[in-house]
Protein backbone atom coordinates (compact mmCIF):
# COMPACT_ATOMS: atom_id res chain seq x y z
CA UNK A 1 0.17 0.01 0.25
CA UNK A 2 1.50 3.46 -0.67
CA UNK A 3 2.29 5.96 1.52
CA UNK A 4 0.56 8.42 -0.51
CA UNK A 5 -3.66 9.69 -1.09
CA UNK A 6 -4.59 10.74 -4.02
CA UNK A 7 -7.49 13.08 -2.07
CA UNK A 8 -6.29 15.67 0.15
CA UNK A 9 -7.04 15.47 4.18
CA UNK A 10 -9.44 18.78 3.38
CA UNK A 11 -11.11 16.46 0.62
CA UNK A 12 -11.15 13.43 3.15
CA UNK A 13 -12.76 15.23 6.34
CA UNK A 14 -15.32 16.56 4.16
CA UNK A 15 -16.09 13.28 2.74
CA UNK A 16 -16.56 12.49 6.33
CA UNK A 17 -19.03 14.65 6.94
CA UNK A 18 -20.60 14.40 3.39
CA UNK A 19 -21.25 10.60 5.15
CA UNK A 20 -22.45 11.87 8.33
CA UNK A 21 -22.92 15.50 8.99
CA UNK A 22 -23.16 15.40 13.13
CA UNK A 23 -19.98 14.25 12.81
CA UNK A 24 -17.40 14.60 16.53
CA UNK A 25 -14.83 15.90 15.08
CA UNK A 26 -12.68 13.48 16.70
CA UNK A 27 -14.90 10.45 14.76
CA UNK A 28 -13.34 12.38 11.51
CA UNK A 29 -9.84 12.26 13.07
CA UNK A 30 -9.94 8.71 13.83
CA UNK A 31 -11.08 6.99 11.02
CA UNK A 32 -8.70 9.65 9.01
CA UNK A 33 -5.62 8.64 11.14
CA UNK A 34 -4.82 12.07 12.13
CA UNK A 35 -5.40 14.04 15.49
CA UNK A 36 -7.95 15.79 16.32
CA UNK A 37 -6.10 19.06 16.14
CA UNK A 38 -5.67 18.22 13.14
CA UNK A 39 -8.85 18.02 12.41
CA UNK A 40 -10.66 21.31 13.84
CA UNK A 41 -7.78 22.86 11.44
CA UNK A 42 -8.79 21.24 8.29
CA UNK A 43 -12.62 21.94 9.11
CA UNK A 44 -12.00 25.45 10.27
CA UNK A 45 -10.85 25.85 6.96
CA UNK A 46 -13.51 24.76 5.30
CA UNK A 47 -16.58 26.29 7.59
CA UNK A 48 -13.78 30.05 6.79
CA UNK A 49 -14.30 29.18 2.72
CA UNK A 50 -17.69 28.62 2.77
CA UNK A 51 -17.49 24.90 2.19
CA UNK A 52 -19.38 23.95 5.15
CA UNK A 53 -21.46 25.50 7.36
CA UNK A 54 -21.59 25.07 11.56
CA UNK A 55 -24.73 24.90 13.24
CA UNK A 56 -24.80 24.16 17.00
CA UNK A 57 -27.18 21.30 17.82
CA UNK A 58 -27.46 20.51 21.81
CA UNK A 59 -23.25 20.14 22.68
CA UNK A 60 -21.80 19.21 19.78
CA UNK A 61 -22.25 20.78 15.36
CA UNK A 62 -23.81 19.78 13.39
CA UNK A 63 -22.56 20.15 9.47
CA UNK A 64 -24.35 20.78 6.29
CA UNK A 65 -21.90 20.64 2.64
CA UNK A 66 -22.30 24.04 0.20
CA UNK A 67 -22.85 21.77 -2.31
CA UNK A 68 -23.13 24.58 -4.97
CA UNK A 69 -19.59 26.15 -4.38
CA UNK A 70 -17.25 24.90 -7.32
CA UNK A 71 -14.05 23.57 -6.26
CA UNK A 72 -11.14 26.11 -6.80
CA UNK A 73 -8.92 23.47 -8.17
CA UNK A 74 -6.80 26.05 -10.61
CA UNK A 75 -6.40 24.29 -13.78
CA UNK A 76 -10.08 23.05 -14.01
CA UNK A 77 -13.43 23.57 -15.66
CA UNK A 78 -14.02 23.74 -11.87
CA UNK A 79 -16.57 21.25 -11.32
CA UNK A 80 -18.82 22.04 -8.31
CA UNK A 81 -18.84 19.88 -4.42
CA UNK A 82 -21.73 17.80 -4.12
CA UNK A 83 -20.70 16.69 -8.12
CA UNK A 84 -17.20 15.58 -6.33
CA UNK A 85 -18.66 14.25 -3.81
CA UNK A 86 -21.34 12.25 -5.59
CA UNK A 87 -19.07 10.67 -7.11
CA UNK A 88 -16.70 9.43 -4.99
CA UNK A 89 -19.74 8.43 -2.13
CA UNK A 90 -20.94 5.87 -5.31
CA UNK A 91 -24.67 8.15 -5.47
CA UNK A 92 -23.56 8.58 -9.35
CA UNK A 93 -27.66 8.10 -10.57
CA UNK A 94 -28.39 5.03 -12.36
CA UNK A 95 -24.87 3.07 -12.32
CA UNK A 96 -24.26 -0.03 -10.74
CA UNK A 97 -24.49 -0.93 -6.60
CA UNK A 98 -26.38 1.62 -3.56
CA UNK A 99 -26.31 5.18 -3.92
CA UNK A 100 -23.32 6.54 -1.26
CA UNK A 101 -24.47 8.06 1.67
CA UNK A 102 -27.19 10.62 2.03
CA UNK A 103 -25.06 12.82 -0.18
CA UNK A 104 -29.42 14.96 -1.14
CA UNK A 105 -28.99 16.28 2.58
CA UNK A 106 -25.68 18.75 0.70
CA UNK A 107 -27.06 21.77 0.35
CA UNK A 108 -28.88 22.95 -2.40
CA UNK A 109 -27.86 25.87 -4.75
CA UNK A 110 -29.05 28.74 -3.92
CA UNK A 111 -30.98 31.12 -6.76
CA UNK A 112 -29.73 34.47 -5.70
CA UNK A 113 -32.39 37.44 -6.85
């Protein structure tokens, strides 16, 4: 097994949140093999960039992914985050296998006006 990954830790944290919007930072960290401090920093980065919205739910946080936002990848046609997550989670509509985790819970595009 290689010692590297195709996905950054930021992408992996986003996938964890897409899979379980109520995941605790310690659970995200444990599932990815990173420290809780790193998980917190990554979630903060994602929130500051607008990709994730934190919502208080009692003593815990719930996260909502702003799926309509484009990826900030240089040299790409900038697909929406939700489309990439749906593909990575296996929710590609009409393909073999069960749909991925609740991709429908990702925040829809908000019309401006």
